[in-house]
């Protein structure tokens, strides 16, 4: 949780009112999107918000971010990236 009792999405850290995930991180049925789908969307967000960022750097940055998020920190793809 962030300051003032506000909750954040456990997948992307967006502020939310309730639950574990925001509207952008869930499927139409309310389940967390599959890792590959969420990863691609987060990489795309990085590239849109940081013009000139390479795809490779966007992927590295996204994996580093996901490693801090409860929804993804134990996912095999994220853990493989964090391994020395």
C-alpha atoms as a PDB file:
ATOM      1  CA  UNK A   1       0.000   0.000   0.000  1.00  0.00           C
ATOM      2  CA  UNK A   2       1.065   3.541  -0.603  1.00  0.00           C
ATOM      3  CA  UNK A   3       0.617   6.575   1.626  1.00  0.00           C
ATOM      4  CA  UNK A   4      -2.849   7.547   2.811  1.00  0.00           C
ATOM      5  CA  UNK A   5      -4.100   3.955   2.676  1.00  0.00           C
ATOM      6  CA  UNK A   6      -4.303   3.866  -1.116  1.00  0.00           C
ATOM      7  CA  UNK A   7      -3.772   0.481  -2.711  1.00  0.00           C
ATOM      8  CA  UNK A   8      -1.684  -0.158  -5.792  1.00  0.00           C
ATOM      9  CA  UNK A   9      -1.941  -2.838  -8.441  1.00  0.00           C
ATOM     10  CA  UNK A  10       0.307  -5.780  -7.567  1.00  0.00           C
ATOM     11  CA  UNK A  11       1.192  -6.136 -11.248  1.00  0.00           C
ATOM     12  CA  UNK A  12       1.983  -2.571 -12.404  1.00  0.00           C
ATOM     13  CA  UNK A  13       1.740  -0.328  -9.292  1.00  0.00           C
ATOM     14  CA  UNK A  14      -1.126   1.793 -10.645  1.00  0.00           C
ATOM     15  CA  UNK A  15      -3.335   3.212  -7.856  1.00  0.00           C
ATOM     16  CA  UNK A  16      -6.505   1.175  -7.362  1.00  0.00           C
ATOM     17  CA  UNK A  17      -9.503   1.332  -5.043  1.00  0.00           C
ATOM     18  CA  UNK A  18      -9.772  -2.371  -4.235  1.00  0.00           C
ATOM     19  CA  UNK A  19      -8.619  -5.819  -5.244  1.00  0.00           C
ATOM     20  CA  UNK A  20      -5.145  -6.869  -6.276  1.00  0.00           C
ATOM     21  CA  UNK A  21      -4.937  -5.702  -9.895  1.00  0.00           C
ATOM     22  CA  UNK A  22      -5.966  -2.687 -11.969  1.00  0.00           C
ATOM     23  CA  UNK A  23      -8.261  -2.758 -14.981  1.00  0.00           C
ATOM     24  CA  UNK A  24      -5.292  -2.796 -17.370  1.00  0.00           C
ATOM     25  CA  UNK A  25      -3.697  -5.924 -15.893  1.00  0.00           C
ATOM     26  CA  UNK A  26      -6.709  -8.234 -15.884  1.00  0.00           C
ATOM     27  CA  UNK A  27      -8.598 -10.213 -18.506  1.00  0.00           C
ATOM     28  CA  UNK A  28     -12.267  -9.629 -19.278  1.00  0.00           C
ATOM     29  CA  UNK A  29     -13.087 -12.254 -16.627  1.00  0.00           C
ATOM     30  CA  UNK A  30     -11.048 -10.412 -13.980  1.00  0.00           C
ATOM     31  CA  UNK A  31      -8.022 -12.706 -13.846  1.00  0.00           C
ATOM     32  CA  UNK A  32      -4.444 -11.497 -14.087  1.00  0.00           C
ATOM     33  CA  UNK A  33      -3.311 -11.446 -17.714  1.00  0.00           C
ATOM     34  CA  UNK A  34      -0.754 -14.080 -18.726  1.00  0.00           C
ATOM     35  CA  UNK A  35       2.875 -13.056 -18.195  1.00  0.00           C
ATOM     36  CA  UNK A  36       3.741 -12.780 -21.904  1.00  0.00           C
ATOM     37  CA  UNK A  37       0.765 -10.528 -22.629  1.00  0.00           C
ATOM     38  CA  UNK A  38       1.412  -8.253 -19.643  1.00  0.00           C
ATOM     39  CA  UNK A  39       5.169  -8.136 -20.402  1.00  0.00           C
ATOM     40  CA  UNK A  40       4.555  -7.025 -24.004  1.00  0.00           C
ATOM     41  CA  UNK A  41       2.138  -4.319 -22.907  1.00  0.00           C
ATOM     42  CA  UNK A  42       4.560  -3.041 -20.274  1.00  0.00           C
ATOM     43  CA  UNK A  43       7.455  -3.008 -22.755  1.00  0.00           C
ATOM     44  CA  UNK A  44       5.252  -1.083 -25.189  1.00  0.00           C
ATOM     45  CA  UNK A  45       4.409   1.429 -22.459  1.00  0.00           C
ATOM     46  CA  UNK A  46       8.116   1.923 -21.715  1.00  0.00           C
ATOM     47  CA  UNK A  47       8.888   2.545 -25.391  1.00  0.00           C
ATOM     48  CA  UNK A  48       6.009   5.018 -25.810  1.00  0.00           C
ATOM     49  CA  UNK A  49       7.019   6.970 -22.717  1.00  0.00           C
ATOM     50  CA  UNK A  50      10.771   6.996 -23.367  1.00  0.00           C
ATOM     51  CA  UNK A  51      11.344   7.909 -27.023  1.00  0.00           C
ATOM     52  CA  UNK A  52      14.634   6.535 -28.309  1.00  0.00           C
ATOM     53  CA  UNK A  53      14.720   3.661 -25.823  1.00  0.00           C
ATOM     54  CA  UNK A  54      15.801   0.448 -27.528  1.00  0.00           C
ATOM     55  CA  UNK A  55      13.591  -2.633 -27.396  1.00  0.00           C
ATOM     56  CA  UNK A  56      16.342  -4.488 -25.543  1.00  0.00           C
ATOM     57  CA  UNK A  57      16.640  -1.792 -22.869  1.00  0.00           C
ATOM     58  CA  UNK A  58      12.856  -1.576 -22.534  1.00  0.00           C
ATOM     59  CA  UNK A  59      12.746  -5.338 -21.931  1.00  0.00           C
ATOM     60  CA  UNK A  60      15.530  -5.140 -19.320  1.00  0.00           C
ATOM     61  CA  UNK A  61      13.852  -2.207 -17.566  1.00  0.00           C
ATOM     62  CA  UNK A  62      10.480  -3.975 -17.609  1.00  0.00           C
ATOM     63  CA  UNK A  63      11.897  -7.181 -16.146  1.00  0.00           C
ATOM     64  CA  UNK A  64      13.672  -5.188 -13.420  1.00  0.00           C
ATOM     65  CA  UNK A  65      10.387  -3.429 -12.592  1.00  0.00           C
ATOM     66  CA  UNK A  66       8.399  -6.673 -12.625  1.00  0.00           C
ATOM     67  CA  UNK A  67      10.910  -8.217 -10.199  1.00  0.00           C
ATOM     68  CA  UNK A  68       9.678  -5.708  -7.596  1.00  0.00           C
ATOM     69  CA  UNK A  69       5.992  -6.420  -8.129  1.00  0.00           C
ATOM     70  CA  UNK A  70       4.211  -9.084  -6.017  1.00  0.00           C
ATOM     71  CA  UNK A  71       2.371 -10.509  -9.034  1.00  0.00           C
ATOM     72  CA  UNK A  72       5.556 -11.220 -10.979  1.00  0.00           C
ATOM     73  CA  UNK A  73       8.603 -11.396  -8.691  1.00  0.00           C
ATOM     74  CA  UNK A  74       8.448 -15.203  -8.473  1.00  0.00           C
ATOM     75  CA  UNK A  75       7.616 -15.807 -12.143  1.00  0.00           C
ATOM     76  CA  UNK A  76      10.289 -17.978 -13.828  1.00  0.00           C
ATOM     77  CA  UNK A  77      10.952 -15.424 -16.593  1.00  0.00           C
ATOM     78  CA  UNK A  78      11.515 -12.659 -14.054  1.00  0.00           C
ATOM     79  CA  UNK A  79      13.633 -14.837 -11.775  1.00  0.00           C
ATOM     80  CA  UNK A  80      15.796 -15.954 -14.718  1.00  0.00           C
ATOM     81  CA  UNK A  81      16.526 -12.306 -15.494  1.00  0.00           C
ATOM     82  CA  UNK A  82      17.451 -11.568 -11.889  1.00  0.00           C
ATOM     83  CA  UNK A  83      19.851 -14.517 -11.620  1.00  0.00           C
ATOM     84  CA  UNK A  84      23.535 -13.504 -11.680  1.00  0.00           C
END
